[in-house]
Amino acid sequence: MNLLLGVGAAFLFSFLAKNNLSSIAGVPLLELLYLFIFINFNLCLFNLIPLGPLDGNSVLPHFLPVDLKIRFQHWNYRYGSQALMGLVMLSLFLPGFSAFSWITSISKSMINGLL
């Protein structure tokens, strides 16, 4: 859903930019739309991480061989949420470490490709 929202907003952004409607009644529409697109693409990519309660948890097993799929599902059921929380905590408390920096760079590339 976040991907569709981001793509739809990108088309709206392009339409408004081509028709010189960057702001209406003092509201910077293009800046708000850019942030909306960026946030939705970030959420889309974050949800694809195959850990814990995220959507990637149910996507990745479809691409694994049967034996590895079963092992991954058992491990993820027991430790997936803790692993995700561990990555978040490491990213917050270790200076210079970010387990999720790839999300921002891919989101920016997606935006540049659409706009």
PDB file of N, CA and C in Angstrom:
ATOM      1  N   MET A   1       0.815  -1.189   0.000  1.00  0.00           N
ATOM      2  CA  MET A   1       0.000   0.000   0.000  1.00  0.00           C
ATOM      3  C   MET A   1       0.860   1.256   0.000  1.00  0.00           C
ATOM      4  N   ASN A   2       1.961   1.219   0.777  1.00  0.00           N
ATOM      5  CA  ASN A   2       2.836   2.382   0.814  1.00  0.00           C
ATOM      6  C   ASN A   2       3.464   2.650  -0.548  1.00  0.00           C
ATOM      7  N   LEU A   3       3.764   1.600  -1.283  1.00  0.00           N
ATOM      8  CA  LEU A   3       4.336   1.777  -2.614  1.00  0.00           C
ATOM      9  C   LEU A   3       3.332   2.453  -3.537  1.00  0.00           C
ATOM     10  N   LEU A   4       2.084   2.013  -3.503  1.00  0.00           N
ATOM     11  CA  LEU A   4       1.052   2.628  -4.343  1.00  0.00           C
ATOM     12  C   LEU A   4       0.807   4.085  -3.964  1.00  0.00           C
ATOM     13  N   LEU A   5       0.782   4.370  -2.674  1.00  0.00           N
ATOM     14  CA  LEU A   5       0.611   5.751  -2.230  1.00  0.00           C
ATOM     15  C   LEU A   5       1.761   6.631  -2.715  1.00  0.00           C
ATOM     16  N   GLY A   6       2.989   6.113  -2.615  1.00  0.00           N
ATOM     17  CA  GLY A   6       4.152   6.873  -3.064  1.00  0.00           C
ATOM     18  C   GLY A   6       4.148   7.113  -4.558  1.00  0.00           C
ATOM     19  N   VAL A   7       3.807   6.098  -5.331  1.00  0.00           N
ATOM     20  CA  VAL A   7       3.770   6.245  -6.797  1.00  0.00           C
ATOM     21  C   VAL A   7       2.653   7.201  -7.214  1.00  0.00           C
ATOM     22  N   GLY A   8       1.485   7.067  -6.580  1.00  0.00           N
ATOM     23  CA  GLY A   8       0.382   7.988  -6.883  1.00  0.00           C
ATOM     24  C   GLY A   8       0.739   9.420  -6.562  1.00  0.00           C
ATOM     25  N   ALA A   9       1.383   9.632  -5.433  1.00  0.00           N
ATOM     26  CA  ALA A   9       1.804  10.979  -5.054  1.00  0.00           C
ATOM     27  C   ALA A   9       2.883  11.505  -6.003  1.00  0.00           C
ATOM     28  N   ALA A  10       3.725  10.617  -6.523  1.00  0.00           N
ATOM     29  CA  ALA A  10       4.757  11.046  -7.476  1.00  0.00           C
ATOM     30  C   ALA A  10       4.119  11.545  -8.776  1.00  0.00           C
ATOM     31  N   PHE A  11       3.055  10.869  -9.225  1.00  0.00           N
ATOM     32  CA  PHE A  11       2.350  11.353 -10.422  1.00  0.00           C
ATOM     33  C   PHE A  11       1.693  12.697 -10.148  1.00  0.00           C
ATOM     34  N   LEU A  12       1.111  12.849  -8.988  1.00  0.00           N
ATOM     35  CA  LEU A  12       0.514  14.137  -8.615  1.00  0.00           C
ATOM     36  C   LEU A  12       1.578  15.214  -8.522  1.00  0.00           C
ATOM     37  N   PHE A  13       2.738  14.880  -7.966  1.00  0.00           N
ATOM     38  CA  PHE A  13       3.857  15.810  -7.880  1.00  0.00           C
ATOM     39  C   PHE A  13       4.266  16.282  -9.272  1.00  0.00           C
ATOM     40  N   SER A  14       4.406  15.332 -10.196  1.00  0.00           N
ATOM     41  CA  SER A  14       4.805  15.688 -11.568  1.00  0.00           C
ATOM     42  C   SER A  14       3.772  16.594 -12.229  1.00  0.00           C
ATOM     43  N   PHE A  15       2.497  16.278 -12.030  1.00  0.00           N
ATOM     44  CA  PHE A  15       1.427  17.102 -12.602  1.00  0.00           C
ATOM     45  C   PHE A  15       1.468  18.525 -12.059  1.00  0.00           C
ATOM     46  N   LEU A  16       1.602  18.649 -10.744  1.00  0.00           N
ATOM     47  CA  LEU A  16       1.639  19.976 -10.127  1.00  0.00           C
ATOM     48  C   LEU A  16       2.880  20.754 -10.543  1.00  0.00           C
ATOM     49  N   ALA A  17       4.018  20.065 -10.652  1.00  0.00           N
ATOM     50  CA  ALA A  17       5.257  20.741 -11.045  1.00  0.00           C
ATOM     51  C   ALA A  17       5.185  21.232 -12.487  1.00  0.00           C
ATOM     52  N   LYS A  18       4.577  20.445 -13.373  1.00  0.00           N
ATOM     53  CA  LYS A  18       4.469  20.849 -14.781  1.00  0.00           C
ATOM     54  C   LYS A  18       3.515  22.028 -14.957  1.00  0.00           C
ATOM     55  N   ASN A  19       2.537  22.142 -14.088  1.00  0.00           N
ATOM     56  CA  ASN A  19       1.556  23.224 -14.188  1.00  0.00           C
ATOM     57  C   ASN A  19       1.862  24.380 -13.238  1.00  0.00           C
ATOM     58  N   ASN A  20       3.089  24.438 -12.730  1.00  0.00           N
ATOM     59  CA  ASN A  20       3.546  25.522 -11.850  1.00  0.00           C
ATOM     60  C   ASN A  20       2.624  25.753 -10.653  1.00  0.00           C
ATOM     61  N   LEU A  21       2.176  24.699 -10.046  1.00  0.00           N
ATOM     62  CA  LEU A  21       1.344  24.785  -8.841  1.00  0.00           C
ATOM     63  C   LEU A  21       2.146  24.313  -7.635  1.00  0.00           C
ATOM     64  N   SER A  22       3.250  24.997  -7.369  1.00  0.00           N
ATOM     65  CA  SER A  22       4.118  24.566  -6.276  1.00  0.00           C
ATOM     66  C   SER A  22       3.552  24.907  -4.910  1.00  0.00           C
ATOM     67  N   SER A  23       2.707  25.922  -4.856  1.00  0.00           N
ATOM     68  CA  SER A  23       2.066  26.245  -3.582  1.00  0.00           C
ATOM     69  C   SER A  23       0.689  26.831  -3.849  1.00  0.00           C
ATOM     70  N   ILE A  24      -0.231  26.507  -2.960  1.00  0.00           N
ATOM     71  CA  ILE A  24      -1.591  27.037  -3.048  1.00  0.00           C
ATOM     72  C   ILE A  24      -1.920  27.622  -1.681  1.00  0.00           C
ATOM     73  N   ALA A  25      -2.330  28.869  -1.676  1.00  0.00           N
ATOM     74  CA  ALA A  25      -2.677  29.591  -0.438  1.00  0.00           C
ATOM     75  C   ALA A  25      -1.532  29.552   0.571  1.00  0.00           C
ATOM     76  N   GLY A  26      -0.307  29.643   0.076  1.00  0.00           N
ATOM     77  CA  GLY A  26       0.857  29.666   0.954  1.00  0.00           C
ATOM     78  C   GLY A  26       1.317  28.311   1.439  1.00  0.00           C
ATOM     79  N   VAL A  27       0.628  27.231   1.058  1.00  0.00           N
ATOM     80  CA  VAL A  27       1.015  25.873   1.476  1.00  0.00           C
ATOM     81  C   VAL A  27       1.963  25.303   0.422  1.00  0.00           C
ATOM     82  N   PRO A  28       3.185  24.948   0.817  1.00  0.00           N
ATOM     83  CA  PRO A  28       4.164  24.406  -0.145  1.00  0.00           C
ATOM     84  C   PRO A  28       3.822  22.965  -0.541  1.00  0.00           C
ATOM     85  N   LEU A  29       2.951  22.802  -1.534  1.00  0.00           N
ATOM     86  CA  LEU A  29       2.452  21.485  -1.922  1.00  0.00           C
ATOM     87  C   LEU A  29       3.547  20.532  -2.384  1.00  0.00           C
ATOM     88  N   LEU A  30       4.471  21.034  -3.192  1.00  0.00           N
ATOM     89  CA  LEU A  30       5.500  20.143  -3.724  1.00  0.00           C
ATOM     90  C   LEU A  30       6.406  19.609  -2.618  1.00  0.00           C
ATOM     91  N   GLU A  31       6.722  20.454  -1.649  1.00  0.00           N
ATOM     92  CA  GLU A  31       7.549  19.989  -0.538  1.00  0.00           C
ATOM     93  C   GLU A  31       6.811  18.952   0.301  1.00  0.00           C
ATOM     94  N   LEU A  32       5.542  19.185   0.557  1.00  0.00           N
ATOM     95  CA  LEU A  32       4.747  18.227   1.322  1.00  0.00           C
ATOM     96  C   LEU A  32       4.595  16.909   0.572  1.00  0.00           C
ATOM     97  N   LEU A  33       4.361  16.987  -0.735  1.00  0.00           N
ATOM     98  CA  LEU A  33       4.236  15.762  -1.527  1.00  0.00           C
ATOM     99  C   LEU A  33       5.547  14.982  -1.562  1.00  0.00           C
ATOM    100  N   TYR A  34       6.666  15.702  -1.676  1.00  0.00           N
ATOM    101  CA  TYR A  34       7.967  15.022  -1.675  1.00  0.00           C
ATOM    102  C   TYR A  34       8.164  14.264  -0.368  1.00  0.00           C
ATOM    103  N   LEU A  35       7.859  14.908   0.752  1.00  0.00           N
ATOM    104  CA  LEU A  35       7.982  14.232   2.047  1.00  0.00           C
ATOM    105  C   LEU A  35       7.035  13.041   2.147  1.00  0.00           C
ATOM    106  N   PHE A  36       5.814  13.192   1.636  1.00  0.00           N
ATOM    107  CA  PHE A  36       4.845  12.103   1.636  1.00  0.00           C
ATOM    108  C   PHE A  36       5.375  10.914   0.842  1.00  0.00           C
ATOM    109  N   ILE A  37       5.931  11.177  -0.327  1.00  0.00           N
ATOM    110  CA  ILE A  37       6.501  10.121  -1.170  1.00  0.00           C
ATOM    111  C   ILE A  37       7.675   9.448  -0.458  1.00  0.00           C
ATOM    112  N   PHE A  38       8.563  10.249   0.094  1.00  0.00           N
ATOM    113  CA  PHE A  38       9.753   9.740   0.768  1.00  0.00           C
ATOM    114  C   PHE A  38       9.372   8.851   1.965  1.00  0.00           C
ATOM    115  N   ILE A  39       8.445   9.302   2.774  1.00  0.00           N
ATOM    116  CA  ILE A  39       8.024   8.531   3.947  1.00  0.00           C
ATOM    117  C   ILE A  39       7.365   7.221   3.517  1.00  0.00           C
ATOM    118  N   ASN A  40       6.522   7.259   2.497  1.00  0.00           N
ATOM    119  CA  ASN A  40       5.846   6.034   2.058  1.00  0.00           C
ATOM    120  C   ASN A  40       6.813   5.032   1.455  1.00  0.00           C
ATOM    121  N   PHE A  41       7.799   5.493   0.690  1.00  0.00           N
ATOM    122  CA  PHE A  41       8.794   4.565   0.152  1.00  0.00           C
ATOM    123  C   PHE A  41       9.650   3.971   1.279  1.00  0.00           C
ATOM    124  N   ASN A  42      10.005   4.794   2.274  1.00  0.00           N
ATOM    125  CA  ASN A  42      10.763   4.274   3.413  1.00  0.00           C
ATOM    126  C   ASN A  42       9.963   3.210   4.157  1.00  0.00           C
ATOM    127  N   LEU A  43       8.686   3.476   4.389  1.00  0.00           N
ATOM    128  CA  LEU A  43       7.841   2.495   5.079  1.00  0.00           C
ATOM    129  C   LEU A  43       7.693   1.210   4.267  1.00  0.00           C
ATOM    130  N   CYS A  44       7.563   1.343   2.967  1.00  0.00           N
ATOM    131  CA  CYS A  44       7.449   0.171   2.097  1.00  0.00           C
ATOM    132  C   CYS A  44       8.691  -0.711   2.224  1.00  0.00           C
ATOM    133  N   LEU A  45       9.862  -0.111   2.141  1.00  0.00           N
ATOM    134  CA  LEU A  45      11.101  -0.882   2.214  1.00  0.00           C
ATOM    135  C   LEU A  45      11.334  -1.448   3.615  1.00  0.00           C
ATOM    136  N   PHE A  46      11.015  -0.667   4.636  1.00  0.00           N
ATOM    137  CA  PHE A  46      11.174  -1.160   6.011  1.00  0.00           C
ATOM    138  C   PHE A  46      10.280  -2.378   6.248  1.00  0.00           C
ATOM    139  N   ASN A  47       9.071  -2.332   5.735  1.00  0.00           N
ATOM    140  CA  ASN A  47       8.144  -3.453   5.915  1.00  0.00           C
ATOM    141  C   ASN A  47       8.608  -4.713   5.200  1.00  0.00           C
ATOM    142  N   LEU A  48       9.492  -4.599   4.246  1.00  0.00           N
ATOM    143  CA  LEU A  48       9.981  -5.771   3.527  1.00  0.00           C
ATOM    144  C   LEU A  48      11.139  -6.481   4.230  1.00  0.00           C
ATOM    145  N   ILE A  49      11.602  -5.930   5.346  1.00  0.00           N
ATOM    146  CA  ILE A  49      12.635  -6.615   6.122  1.00  0.00           C
ATOM    147  C   ILE A  49      12.031  -7.916   6.656  1.00  0.00           C
ATOM    148  N   PRO A  50      12.693  -9.045   6.421  1.00  0.00           N
ATOM    149  CA  PRO A  50      12.079 -10.340   6.775  1.00  0.00           C
ATOM    150  C   PRO A  50      12.259 -10.736   8.237  1.00  0.00           C
ATOM    151  N   LEU A  51      11.922  -9.836   9.143  1.00  0.00           N
ATOM    152  CA  LEU A  51      12.037 -10.135  10.570  1.00  0.00           C
ATOM    153  C   LEU A  51      10.738  -9.833  11.290  1.00  0.00           C
ATOM    154  N   GLY A  52      10.473 -10.632  12.297  1.00  0.00           N
ATOM    155  CA  GLY A  52       9.396 -10.370  13.234  1.00  0.00           C
ATOM    156  C   GLY A  52       8.044 -10.094  12.615  1.00  0.00           C
ATOM    157  N   PRO A  53       7.399  -9.053  13.077  1.00  0.00           N
ATOM    158  CA  PRO A  53       6.026  -8.780  12.647  1.00  0.00           C
ATOM    159  C   PRO A  53       5.926  -8.047  11.312  1.00  0.00           C
ATOM    160  N   LEU A  54       7.038  -7.780  10.662  1.00  0.00           N
ATOM    161  CA  LEU A  54       6.999  -7.029   9.398  1.00  0.00           C
ATOM    162  C   LEU A  54       6.537  -7.913   8.248  1.00  0.00           C
ATOM    163  N   ASP A  55       6.105  -7.288   7.151  1.00  0.00           N
ATOM    164  CA  ASP A  55       5.552  -8.029   6.016  1.00  0.00           C
ATOM    165  C   ASP A  55       6.567  -8.930   5.325  1.00  0.00           C
ATOM    166  N   GLY A  56       7.832  -8.549   5.361  1.00  0.00           N
ATOM    167  CA  GLY A  56       8.865  -9.383   4.753  1.00  0.00           C
ATOM    168  C   GLY A  56       8.941 -10.755   5.391  1.00  0.00           C
ATOM    169  N   ASN A  57       8.435 -10.876   6.590  1.00  0.00           N
ATOM    170  CA  ASN A  57       8.369 -12.147   7.304  1.00  0.00           C
ATOM    171  C   ASN A  57       7.575 -13.186   6.523  1.00  0.00           C
ATOM    172  N   SER A  58       6.560 -12.750   5.805  1.00  0.00           N
ATOM    173  CA  SER A  58       5.757 -13.696   5.031  1.00  0.00           C
ATOM    174  C   SER A  58       6.101 -13.689   3.546  1.00  0.00           C
ATOM    175  N   VAL A  59       6.978 -12.790   3.120  1.00  0.00           N
ATOM    176  CA  VAL A  59       7.369 -12.731   1.711  1.00  0.00           C
ATOM    177  C   VAL A  59       8.588 -13.615   1.447  1.00  0.00           C
ATOM    178  N   LEU A  60       9.620 -13.478   2.255  1.00  0.00           N
ATOM    179  CA  LEU A  60      10.873 -14.208   2.026  1.00  0.00           C
ATOM    180  C   LEU A  60      10.704 -15.719   1.955  1.00  0.00           C
ATOM    181  N   PRO A  61       9.932 -16.353   2.831  1.00  0.00           N
ATOM    182  CA  PRO A  61       9.839 -17.823   2.773  1.00  0.00           C
ATOM    183  C   PRO A  61       9.378 -18.378   1.428  1.00  0.00           C
ATOM    184  N   HIS A  62       8.661 -17.616   0.651  1.00  0.00           N
ATOM    185  CA  HIS A  62       8.210 -18.093  -0.661  1.00  0.00           C
ATOM    186  C   HIS A  62       9.360 -18.258  -1.652  1.00  0.00           C
ATOM    187  N   PHE A  63      10.497 -17.641  -1.367  1.00  0.00           N
ATOM    188  CA  PHE A  63      11.646 -17.711  -2.263  1.00  0.00           C
ATOM    189  C   PHE A  63      12.716 -18.685  -1.768  1.00  0.00           C
ATOM    190  N   LEU A  64      12.454 -19.359  -0.657  1.00  0.00           N
ATOM    191  CA  LEU A  64      13.429 -20.276  -0.071  1.00  0.00           C
ATOM    192  C   LEU A  64      13.074 -21.723  -0.395  1.00  0.00           C
ATOM    193  N   PRO A  65      14.097 -22.609  -0.456  1.00  0.00           N
ATOM    194  CA  PRO A  65      13.806 -24.040  -0.575  1.00  0.00           C
ATOM    195  C   PRO A  65      13.023 -24.512   0.660  1.00  0.00           C
ATOM    196  N   VAL A  66      12.300 -25.604   0.528  1.00  0.00           N
ATOM    197  CA  VAL A  66      11.368 -26.053   1.564  1.00  0.00           C
ATOM    198  C   VAL A  66      12.056 -26.240   2.922  1.00  0.00           C
ATOM    199  N   ASP A  67      13.213 -26.919   2.944  1.00  0.00           N
ATOM    200  CA  ASP A  67      13.866 -27.162   4.239  1.00  0.00           C
ATOM    201  C   ASP A  67      14.331 -25.863   4.891  1.00  0.00           C
ATOM    202  N   LEU A  68      14.889 -24.959   4.099  1.00  0.00           N
ATOM    203  CA  LEU A  68      15.327 -23.665   4.629  1.00  0.00           C
ATOM    204  C   LEU A  68      14.131 -22.794   5.016  1.00  0.00           C
ATOM    205  N   LYS A  69      13.056 -22.917   4.279  1.00  0.00           N
ATOM    206  CA  LYS A  69      11.829 -22.172   4.580  1.00  0.00           C
ATOM    207  C   LYS A  69      11.309 -22.537   5.969  1.00  0.00           C
ATOM    208  N   ILE A  70      11.253 -23.824   6.268  1.00  0.00           N
ATOM    209  CA  ILE A  70      10.752 -24.281   7.561  1.00  0.00           C
ATOM    210  C   ILE A  70      11.671 -23.821   8.689  1.00  0.00           C
ATOM    211  N   ARG A  71      12.992 -23.963   8.476  1.00  0.00           N
ATOM    212  CA  ARG A  71      13.948 -23.515   9.496  1.00  0.00           C
ATOM    213  C   ARG A  71      13.837 -22.015   9.732  1.00  0.00           C
ATOM    214  N   PHE A  72      13.719 -21.228   8.648  1.00  0.00           N
ATOM    215  CA  PHE A  72      13.593 -19.781   8.784  1.00  0.00           C
ATOM    216  C   PHE A  72      12.320 -19.406   9.532  1.00  0.00           C
ATOM    217  N   GLN A  73      11.211 -20.036   9.197  1.00  0.00           N
ATOM    218  CA  GLN A  73       9.945 -19.713   9.849  1.00  0.00           C
ATOM    219  C   GLN A  73       9.992 -20.030  11.344  1.00  0.00           C
ATOM    220  N   HIS A  74      10.596 -21.157  11.707  1.00  0.00           N
ATOM    221  CA  HIS A  74      10.715 -21.490  13.131  1.00  0.00           C
ATOM    222  C   HIS A  74      11.616 -20.482  13.844  1.00  0.00           C
ATOM    223  N   TRP A  75      12.762 -20.158  13.239  1.00  0.00           N
ATOM    224  CA  TRP A  75      13.676 -19.201  13.858  1.00  0.00           C
ATOM    225  C   TRP A  75      13.010 -17.833  13.976  1.00  0.00           C
ATOM    226  N   ASN A  76      12.361 -17.409  12.908  1.00  0.00           N
ATOM    227  CA  ASN A  76      11.748 -16.087  12.903  1.00  0.00           C
ATOM    228  C   ASN A  76      10.589 -16.006  13.894  1.00  0.00           C
ATOM    229  N   TYR A  77       9.863 -17.086  14.065  1.00  0.00           N
ATOM    230  CA  TYR A  77       8.776 -17.106  15.037  1.00  0.00           C
ATOM    231  C   TYR A  77       9.317 -16.918  16.459  1.00  0.00           C
ATOM    232  N   ARG A  78      10.463 -17.540  16.727  1.00  0.00           N
ATOM    233  CA  ARG A  78      11.044 -17.456  18.076  1.00  0.00           C
ATOM    234  C   ARG A  78      11.837 -16.186  18.297  1.00  0.00           C
ATOM    235  N   TYR A  79      12.640 -15.785  17.305  1.00  0.00           N
ATOM    236  CA  TYR A  79      13.609 -14.718  17.536  1.00  0.00           C
ATOM    237  C   TYR A  79      13.464 -13.505  16.617  1.00  0.00           C
ATOM    238  N   GLY A  80      12.539 -13.501  15.681  1.00  0.00           N
ATOM    239  CA  GLY A  80      12.446 -12.414  14.695  1.00  0.00           C
ATOM    240  C   GLY A  80      12.185 -11.054  15.307  1.00  0.00           C
ATOM    241  N   SER A  81      11.237 -10.976  16.224  1.00  0.00           N
ATOM    242  CA  SER A  81      10.927  -9.692  16.853  1.00  0.00           C
ATOM    243  C   SER A  81      12.103  -9.184  17.676  1.00  0.00           C
ATOM    244  N   GLN A  82      12.762 -10.094  18.389  1.00  0.00           N
ATOM    245  CA  GLN A  82      13.916  -9.686  19.192  1.00  0.00           C
ATOM    246  C   GLN A  82      15.067  -9.226  18.303  1.00  0.00           C
ATOM    247  N   ALA A  83      15.272  -9.907  17.184  1.00  0.00           N
ATOM    248  CA  ALA A  83      16.330  -9.506  16.257  1.00  0.00           C
ATOM    249  C   ALA A  83      16.051  -8.113  15.685  1.00  0.00           C
ATOM    250  N   LEU A  84      14.794  -7.862  15.344  1.00  0.00           N
ATOM    251  CA  LEU A  84      14.426  -6.547  14.830  1.00  0.00           C
ATOM    252  C   LEU A  84      14.656  -5.473  15.891  1.00  0.00           C
ATOM    253  N   MET A  85      14.216  -5.729  17.116  1.00  0.00           N
ATOM    254  CA  MET A  85      14.425  -4.761  18.196  1.00  0.00           C
ATOM    255  C   MET A  85      15.916  -4.559  18.472  1.00  0.00           C
ATOM    256  N   GLY A  86      16.693  -5.623  18.366  1.00  0.00           N
ATOM    257  CA  GLY A  86      18.137  -5.511  18.543  1.00  0.00           C
ATOM    258  C   GLY A  86      18.767  -4.604  17.499  1.00  0.00           C
ATOM    259  N   LEU A  87      18.351  -4.759  16.249  1.00  0.00           N
ATOM    260  CA  LEU A  87      18.877  -3.886  15.193  1.00  0.00           C
ATOM    261  C   LEU A  87      18.483  -2.434  15.419  1.00  0.00           C
ATOM    262  N   VAL A  88      17.257  -2.217  15.857  1.00  0.00           N
ATOM    263  CA  VAL A  88      16.812  -0.845  16.145  1.00  0.00           C
ATOM    264  C   VAL A  88      17.634  -0.260  17.289  1.00  0.00           C
ATOM    265  N   MET A  89      17.820  -1.024  18.348  1.00  0.00           N
ATOM    266  CA  MET A  89      18.591  -0.538  19.498  1.00  0.00           C
ATOM    267  C   MET A  89      20.051  -0.270  19.122  1.00  0.00           C
ATOM    268  N   LEU A  90      20.662  -1.170  18.353  1.00  0.00           N
ATOM    269  CA  LEU A  90      22.038  -0.942  17.908  1.00  0.00           C
ATOM    270  C   LEU A  90      22.135   0.330  17.072  1.00  0.00           C
ATOM    271  N   SER A  91      21.162   0.548  16.214  1.00  0.00           N
ATOM    272  CA  SER A  91      21.169   1.745  15.370  1.00  0.00           C
ATOM    273  C   SER A  91      21.005   3.020  16.196  1.00  0.00           C
ATOM    274  N   LEU A  92      20.276   2.919  17.293  1.00  0.00           N
ATOM    275  CA  LEU A  92      20.070   4.100  18.141  1.00  0.00           C
ATOM    276  C   LEU A  92      21.275   4.402  19.027  1.00  0.00           C
ATOM    277  N   PHE A  93      21.919   3.372  19.557  1.00  0.00           N
ATOM    278  CA  PHE A  93      22.915   3.595  20.593  1.00  0.00           C
ATOM    279  C   PHE A  93      24.370   3.486  20.142  1.00  0.00           C
ATOM    280  N   LEU A  94      24.638   2.906  18.986  1.00  0.00           N
ATOM    281  CA  LEU A  94      26.021   2.844  18.496  1.00  0.00           C
ATOM    282  C   LEU A  94      26.259   3.981  17.503  1.00  0.00           C
ATOM    283  N   PRO A  95      27.146   4.896  17.834  1.00  0.00           N
ATOM    284  CA  PRO A  95      27.413   6.001  16.908  1.00  0.00           C
ATOM    285  C   PRO A  95      28.032   5.495  15.607  1.00  0.00           C
ATOM    286  N   GLY A  96      27.529   5.997  14.513  1.00  0.00           N
ATOM    287  CA  GLY A  96      28.061   5.624  13.211  1.00  0.00           C
ATOM    288  C   GLY A  96      27.495   4.328  12.653  1.00  0.00           C
ATOM    289  N   PHE A  97      26.654   3.623  13.403  1.00  0.00           N
ATOM    290  CA  PHE A  97      26.073   2.371  12.924  1.00  0.00           C
ATOM    291  C   PHE A  97      24.597   2.580  12.630  1.00  0.00           C
ATOM    292  N   SER A  98      24.197   2.184  11.443  1.00  0.00           N
ATOM    293  CA  SER A  98      22.780   2.239  11.102  1.00  0.00           C
ATOM    294  C   SER A  98      22.448   1.016  10.266  1.00  0.00           C
ATOM    295  N   ALA A  99      21.622   0.155  10.815  1.00  0.00           N
ATOM    296  CA  ALA A  99      21.232  -1.053  10.099  1.00  0.00           C
ATOM    297  C   ALA A  99      20.234  -0.752   8.997  1.00  0.00           C
ATOM    298  N   PHE A 100      19.696   0.452   8.988  1.00  0.00           N
ATOM    299  CA  PHE A 100      18.623   0.777   8.057  1.00  0.00           C
ATOM    300  C   PHE A 100      18.969   1.917   7.097  1.00  0.00           C
ATOM    301  N   SER A 101      20.225   2.285   6.991  1.00  0.00           N
ATOM    302  CA  SER A 101      20.608   3.402   6.118  1.00  0.00           C
ATOM    303  C   SER A 101      20.353   3.083   4.639  1.00  0.00           C
ATOM    304  N   TRP A 102      20.357   1.817   4.289  1.00  0.00           N
ATOM    305  CA  TRP A 102      20.104   1.421   2.906  1.00  0.00           C
ATOM    306  C   TRP A 102      18.694   1.813   2.472  1.00  0.00           C
ATOM    307  N   ILE A 103      17.764   1.890   3.407  1.00  0.00           N
ATOM    308  CA  ILE A 103      16.381   2.220   3.072  1.00  0.00           C
ATOM    309  C   ILE A 103      16.296   3.621   2.487  1.00  0.00           C
ATOM    310  N   THR A 104      16.968   4.578   3.123  1.00  0.00           N
ATOM    311  CA  THR A 104      16.929   5.962   2.658  1.00  0.00           C
ATOM    312  C   THR A 104      17.552   6.102   1.273  1.00  0.00           C
ATOM    313  N   SER A 105      18.678   5.437   1.034  1.00  0.00           N
ATOM    314  CA  SER A 105      19.332   5.577  -0.268  1.00  0.00           C
ATOM    315  C   SER A 105      18.489   4.955  -1.385  1.00  0.00           C
ATOM    316  N   ILE A 106      17.858   3.826  -1.121  1.00  0.00           N
ATOM    317  CA  ILE A 106      16.989   3.216  -2.140  1.00  0.00           C
ATOM    318  C   ILE A 106      15.756   4.077  -2.373  1.00  0.00           C
ATOM    319  N   SER A 107      15.187   4.642  -1.303  1.00  0.00           N
ATOM    320  CA  SER A 107      14.014   5.512  -1.450  1.00  0.00           C
ATOM    321  C   SER A 107      14.328   6.722  -2.313  1.00  0.00           C
ATOM    322  N   LYS A 108      15.479   7.321  -2.066  1.00  0.00           N
ATOM    323  CA  LYS A 108      15.871   8.491  -2.868  1.00  0.00           C
ATOM    324  C   LYS A 108      16.066   8.106  -4.329  1.00  0.00           C
ATOM    325  N   SER A 109      16.628   6.928  -4.574  1.00  0.00           N
ATOM    326  CA  SER A 109      16.787   6.459  -5.959  1.00  0.00           C
ATOM    327  C   SER A 109      15.439   6.223  -6.623  1.00  0.00           C
ATOM    328  N   MET A 110      14.485   5.676  -5.866  1.00  0.00           N
ATOM    329  CA  MET A 110      13.156   5.445  -6.414  1.00  0.00           C
ATOM    330  C   MET A 110      12.483   6.777  -6.758  1.00  0.00           C
ATOM    331  N   ILE A 111      12.627   7.754  -5.883  1.00  0.00           N
ATOM    332  CA  ILE A 111      12.039   9.071  -6.130  1.00  0.00           C
ATOM    333  C   ILE A 111      12.670   9.716  -7.353  1.00  0.00           C
ATOM    334  N   ASN A 112      14.001   9.648  -7.440  1.00  0.00           N
ATOM    335  CA  ASN A 112      14.694  10.234  -8.600  1.00  0.00           C
ATOM    336  C   ASN A 112      14.271   9.563  -9.897  1.00  0.00           C
ATOM    337  N   GLY A 113      13.982   8.261  -9.832  1.00  0.00           N
ATOM    338  CA  GLY A 113      13.536   7.551 -11.021  1.00  0.00           C
ATOM    339  C   GLY A 113      12.134   7.945 -11.452  1.00  0.00           C
ATOM    340  N   LEU A 114      11.297   8.319 -10.494  1.00  0.00           N
ATOM    341  CA  LEU A 114       9.918   8.669 -10.809  1.00  0.00           C
ATOM    342  C   LEU A 114       9.725  10.138 -11.161  1.00  0.00           C
ATOM    343  N   LEU A 115      10.518  11.018 -10.550  1.00  0.00           N
ATOM    344  CA  LEU A 115      10.296  12.454 -10.759  1.00  0.00           C
ATOM    345  C   LEU A 115      11.147  13.013 -11.853  1.00  0.00           C
TER     346      LEU A 115
END
